[in-house]
Amino acid sequence: MAFGLENYVRIAKVLDRYKAYQGIRNLREKFEKFTHQMKDGWGLATDENVLFGSDGTSILYLINRQNFKVIGKHIVTCNGHEVHSLNELEYMNGEVWANVWQTDCIARISPKDGTLLGWILLQNLRENLVQARNNGIDVLNGIAWDSA
């Protein structure tokens, strides 16, 4: 999904206070100070309508892009067990992908109700990187999506 830089949102945490900046022209200008219901800010993604947020717990937050208020929450579970440590998020093809911190897994989550749609298992990626002498790997962290 592509959208212009005017839709770019950056959240900065300074001294436990969050500031939101929107649009490439406003990067140096404060957009709005805000508080939120997340325990901490680990990941953000958007479908251009809402922001999806994670805080290292099992909760996927739905956040209004205009005022940054939480408008919904989903507890992500797998076989009746909460999926903790949801970290970096990416939205693609109608799904929210969340890497699970300290694992080699990405959870595929429905943004509608938080249902776990499946897993992307990356153990082979890690093993191949280590075999190629990339031994400085701490954790697999971060997701990037190129719709092209």
C-alpha atoms as a PDB file:
ATOM      1  CA  MET A   1       0.000   0.000   0.000  1.00  0.00           C
ATOM      2  CA  ALA A   2       1.418   3.351  -0.934  1.00  0.00           C
ATOM      3  CA  PHE A   3       0.529   6.718   0.443  1.00  0.00           C
ATOM      4  CA  GLY A   4       2.196  10.069   0.181  1.00  0.00           C
ATOM      5  CA  LEU A   5       4.563  11.612   2.653  1.00  0.00           C
ATOM      6  CA  GLU A   6       1.798  13.981   3.755  1.00  0.00           C
ATOM      7  CA  ASN A   7       0.281  10.953   5.498  1.00  0.00           C
ATOM      8  CA  TYR A   8       3.511  10.094   7.278  1.00  0.00           C
ATOM      9  CA  VAL A   9       3.077   9.848  11.034  1.00  0.00           C
ATOM     10  CA  ARG A  10       5.971   9.762  13.462  1.00  0.00           C
ATOM     11  CA  ILE A  11       5.558   9.204  17.165  1.00  0.00           C
ATOM     12  CA  ALA A  12       8.375  10.365  19.427  1.00  0.00           C
ATOM     13  CA  LYS A  13       8.727   9.470  23.085  1.00  0.00           C
ATOM     14  CA  VAL A  14      10.465  12.145  25.097  1.00  0.00           C
ATOM     15  CA  LEU A  15      10.646  11.821  28.880  1.00  0.00           C
ATOM     16  CA  ASP A  16       7.652   9.452  28.963  1.00  0.00           C
ATOM     17  CA  ARG A  17       5.513  11.917  26.996  1.00  0.00           C
ATOM     18  CA  TYR A  18       4.485  11.196  23.456  1.00  0.00           C
ATOM     19  CA  LYS A  19       4.381  13.675  20.614  1.00  0.00           C
ATOM     20  CA  ALA A  20       2.934  13.004  17.205  1.00  0.00           C
ATOM     21  CA  TYR A  21       4.235  14.566  14.023  1.00  0.00           C
ATOM     22  CA  GLN A  22       2.318  14.290  10.785  1.00  0.00           C
ATOM     23  CA  GLY A  23       3.366  15.151   7.267  1.00  0.00           C
ATOM     24  CA  ILE A  24       6.838  15.656   5.908  1.00  0.00           C
ATOM     25  CA  ARG A  25       6.557  19.459   6.187  1.00  0.00           C
ATOM     26  CA  ASN A  26       5.675  19.288   9.876  1.00  0.00           C
ATOM     27  CA  LEU A  27       8.461  17.025  11.074  1.00  0.00           C
ATOM     28  CA  ARG A  28       9.985  19.818  13.136  1.00  0.00           C
ATOM     29  CA  GLU A  29       6.665  21.228  14.297  1.00  0.00           C
ATOM     30  CA  LYS A  30       4.742  19.648  17.144  1.00  0.00           C
ATOM     31  CA  PHE A  31       1.513  18.150  15.823  1.00  0.00           C
ATOM     32  CA  GLU A  32      -0.053  17.206  19.137  1.00  0.00           C
ATOM     33  CA  LYS A  33       0.964  15.966  22.570  1.00  0.00           C
ATOM     34  CA  PHE A  34      -1.080  13.022  23.600  1.00  0.00           C
ATOM     35  CA  THR A  35      -1.382  10.188  26.048  1.00  0.00           C
ATOM     36  CA  HIS A  36      -2.527   6.722  25.163  1.00  0.00           C
ATOM     37  CA  GLN A  37      -3.710   3.535  26.805  1.00  0.00           C
ATOM     38  CA  MET A  38      -0.808   1.415  25.646  1.00  0.00           C
ATOM     39  CA  LYS A  39       1.662   0.199  28.263  1.00  0.00           C
ATOM     40  CA  ASP A  40       4.520   1.266  26.009  1.00  0.00           C
ATOM     41  CA  GLY A  41       4.930   2.007  22.313  1.00  0.00           C
ATOM     42  CA  TRP A  42       6.534  -0.855  20.397  1.00  0.00           C
ATOM     43  CA  GLY A  43       5.032  -0.784  16.930  1.00  0.00           C
ATOM     44  CA  LEU A  44       2.675   1.171  14.683  1.00  0.00           C
ATOM     45  CA  ALA A  45       1.117   0.401  11.319  1.00  0.00           C
ATOM     46  CA  THR A  46      -1.810   1.829   9.374  1.00  0.00           C
ATOM     47  CA  ASP A  47      -4.399   0.840   6.812  1.00  0.00           C
ATOM     48  CA  GLU A  48      -4.806   4.577   6.030  1.00  0.00           C
ATOM     49  CA  ASN A  49      -7.941   4.677   8.218  1.00  0.00           C
ATOM     50  CA  VAL A  50      -6.693   3.721  11.675  1.00  0.00           C
ATOM     51  CA  LEU A  51      -3.348   3.183  13.356  1.00  0.00           C
ATOM     52  CA  PHE A  52      -2.621  -0.233  14.811  1.00  0.00           C
ATOM     53  CA  GLY A  53      -0.379  -0.221  17.854  1.00  0.00           C
ATOM     54  CA  SER A  54       1.472  -2.730  19.991  1.00  0.00           C
ATOM     55  CA  ASP A  55       2.992  -2.364  23.427  1.00  0.00           C
ATOM     56  CA  GLY A  56       4.795  -5.655  23.968  1.00  0.00           C
ATOM     57  CA  THR A  57       1.736  -7.386  25.375  1.00  0.00           C
ATOM     58  CA  SER A  58      -0.846  -9.532  23.583  1.00  0.00           C
ATOM     59  CA  ILE A  59      -3.042  -6.519  22.757  1.00  0.00           C
ATOM     60  CA  LEU A  60      -3.460  -5.061  19.278  1.00  0.00           C
ATOM     61  CA  TYR A  61      -4.669  -1.472  19.685  1.00  0.00           C
ATOM     62  CA  LEU A  62      -6.793   0.383  17.135  1.00  0.00           C
ATOM     63  CA  ILE A  63      -6.056   4.106  17.340  1.00  0.00           C
ATOM     64  CA  ASN A  64      -7.817   7.061  15.732  1.00  0.00           C
ATOM     65  CA  ARG A  65      -5.335   8.733  13.359  1.00  0.00           C
ATOM     66  CA  GLN A  66      -6.728  12.204  14.013  1.00  0.00           C
ATOM     67  CA  ASN A  67      -6.733  12.396  17.808  1.00  0.00           C
ATOM     68  CA  PHE A  68      -4.659   9.306  18.760  1.00  0.00           C
ATOM     69  CA  LYS A  69      -7.376   7.953  21.054  1.00  0.00           C
ATOM     70  CA  VAL A  70      -7.742   4.192  21.370  1.00  0.00           C
ATOM     71  CA  ILE A  71     -10.944   3.165  19.602  1.00  0.00           C
ATOM     72  CA  GLY A  72     -10.594  -0.584  20.042  1.00  0.00           C
ATOM     73  CA  LYS A  73      -8.430  -3.384  21.408  1.00  0.00           C
ATOM     74  CA  HIS A  74      -8.041  -7.028  20.503  1.00  0.00           C
ATOM     75  CA  ILE A  75      -6.288  -9.663  22.595  1.00  0.00           C
ATOM     76  CA  VAL A  76      -4.395 -11.895  20.176  1.00  0.00           C
ATOM     77  CA  THR A  77      -4.519 -15.581  21.071  1.00  0.00           C
ATOM     78  CA  CYS A  78      -3.324 -18.874  19.625  1.00  0.00           C
ATOM     79  CA  ASN A  79      -5.132 -22.050  20.686  1.00  0.00           C
ATOM     80  CA  GLY A  80      -6.559 -20.239  23.711  1.00  0.00           C
ATOM     81  CA  HIS A  81      -3.207 -18.796  24.850  1.00  0.00           C
ATOM     82  CA  GLU A  82      -2.330 -15.116  24.594  1.00  0.00           C
ATOM     83  CA  VAL A  83       0.413 -14.254  22.124  1.00  0.00           C
ATOM     84  CA  HIS A  84       2.619 -11.966  24.218  1.00  0.00           C
ATOM     85  CA  SER A  85       5.446  -9.666  23.079  1.00  0.00           C
ATOM     86  CA  LEU A  86       3.776  -8.303  19.946  1.00  0.00           C
ATOM     87  CA  ASN A  87       6.415  -5.960  18.616  1.00  0.00           C
ATOM     88  CA  GLU A  88       7.020  -4.280  15.259  1.00  0.00           C
ATOM     89  CA  LEU A  89       3.857  -4.098  13.123  1.00  0.00           C
ATOM     90  CA  GLU A  90       3.152  -3.885   9.425  1.00  0.00           C
ATOM     91  CA  TYR A  91      -0.196  -3.747   7.598  1.00  0.00           C
ATOM     92  CA  MET A  92      -0.452  -5.605   4.306  1.00  0.00           C
ATOM     93  CA  ASN A  93      -3.162  -7.191   2.219  1.00  0.00           C
ATOM     94  CA  GLY A  94      -5.827  -6.713   4.900  1.00  0.00           C
ATOM     95  CA  GLU A  95      -3.724  -8.229   7.689  1.00  0.00           C
ATOM     96  CA  VAL A  96      -1.596  -6.877  10.514  1.00  0.00           C
ATOM     97  CA  TRP A  97       1.735  -8.659  10.810  1.00  0.00           C
ATOM     98  CA  ALA A  98       3.500  -8.533  14.168  1.00  0.00           C
ATOM     99  CA  ASN A  99       6.885  -9.929  14.919  1.00  0.00           C
ATOM    100  CA  VAL A 100       6.916 -11.643  18.294  1.00  0.00           C
ATOM    101  CA  TRP A 101       9.909 -10.275  20.168  1.00  0.00           C
ATOM    102  CA  GLN A 102      12.663 -12.758  21.099  1.00  0.00           C
ATOM    103  CA  THR A 103      11.256 -15.366  18.677  1.00  0.00           C
ATOM    104  CA  ASP A 104      11.710 -16.227  15.025  1.00  0.00           C
ATOM    105  CA  CYS A 105       7.974 -15.807  14.366  1.00  0.00           C
ATOM    106  CA  ILE A 106       5.655 -13.278  12.775  1.00  0.00           C
ATOM    107  CA  ALA A 107       1.968 -13.451  13.719  1.00  0.00           C
ATOM    108  CA  ARG A 108      -0.591 -12.748  10.978  1.00  0.00           C
ATOM    109  CA  ILE A 109      -3.526 -10.994  12.664  1.00  0.00           C
ATOM    110  CA  SER A 110      -6.987  -9.943  11.510  1.00  0.00           C
ATOM    111  CA  PRO A 111      -7.419  -6.225  12.228  1.00  0.00           C
ATOM    112  CA  LYS A 112     -11.187  -6.748  12.453  1.00  0.00           C
ATOM    113  CA  ASP A 113     -11.202  -8.925  15.570  1.00  0.00           C
ATOM    114  CA  GLY A 114      -7.617  -9.842  16.463  1.00  0.00           C
ATOM    115  CA  THR A 115      -7.963 -13.424  15.252  1.00  0.00           C
ATOM    116  CA  LEU A 116      -4.630 -15.120  14.636  1.00  0.00           C
ATOM    117  CA  LEU A 117      -4.681 -16.001  10.940  1.00  0.00           C
ATOM    118  CA  GLY A 118      -1.401 -17.882  10.882  1.00  0.00           C
ATOM    119  CA  TRP A 119       2.325 -17.786  11.485  1.00  0.00           C
ATOM    120  CA  ILE A 120       5.367 -16.961   9.415  1.00  0.00           C
ATOM    121  CA  LEU A 121       8.209 -19.056  10.818  1.00  0.00           C
ATOM    122  CA  LEU A 122      11.686 -17.668  10.269  1.00  0.00           C
ATOM    123  CA  GLN A 123      13.927 -20.215  12.007  1.00  0.00           C
ATOM    124  CA  ASN A 124      15.524 -21.162   8.679  1.00  0.00           C
ATOM    125  CA  LEU A 125      16.306 -17.506   7.976  1.00  0.00           C
ATOM    126  CA  ARG A 126      18.125 -17.185  11.279  1.00  0.00           C
ATOM    127  CA  GLU A 127      20.008 -20.460  10.746  1.00  0.00           C
ATOM    128  CA  ASN A 128      21.080 -19.399   7.240  1.00  0.00           C
ATOM    129  CA  LEU A 129      22.298 -16.029   8.528  1.00  0.00           C
ATOM    130  CA  VAL A 130      24.336 -17.695  11.280  1.00  0.00           C
ATOM    131  CA  GLN A 131      25.791 -20.205   8.791  1.00  0.00           C
ATOM    132  CA  ALA A 132      26.827 -17.252   6.622  1.00  0.00           C
ATOM    133  CA  ARG A 133      28.805 -15.981   9.646  1.00  0.00           C
ATOM    134  CA  ASN A 134      26.323 -13.243  10.599  1.00  0.00           C
ATOM    135  CA  ASN A 135      26.866 -14.102  14.252  1.00  0.00           C
ATOM    136  CA  GLY A 136      25.951 -10.693  15.677  1.00  0.00           C
ATOM    137  CA  ILE A 137      22.236 -11.396  15.347  1.00  0.00           C
ATOM    138  CA  ASP A 138      20.496 -10.696  18.633  1.00  0.00           C
ATOM    139  CA  VAL A 139      16.852 -10.985  17.577  1.00  0.00           C
ATOM    140  CA  LEU A 140      14.896 -10.829  14.366  1.00  0.00           C
ATOM    141  CA  ASN A 141      13.223  -7.483  14.790  1.00  0.00           C
ATOM    142  CA  GLY A 142      11.269  -5.404  12.334  1.00  0.00           C
ATOM    143  CA  ILE A 143       9.081  -6.015   9.319  1.00  0.00           C
ATOM    144  CA  ALA A 144       9.178  -4.175   6.014  1.00  0.00           C
ATOM    145  CA  TRP A 145       6.608  -4.467   3.253  1.00  0.00           C
ATOM    146  CA  ASP A 146       7.016  -3.351  -0.333  1.00  0.00           C
ATOM    147  CA  SER A 147       3.727  -3.681  -2.196  1.00  0.00           C
ATOM    148  CA  ALA A 148       5.441  -3.303  -5.589  1.00  0.00           C
END
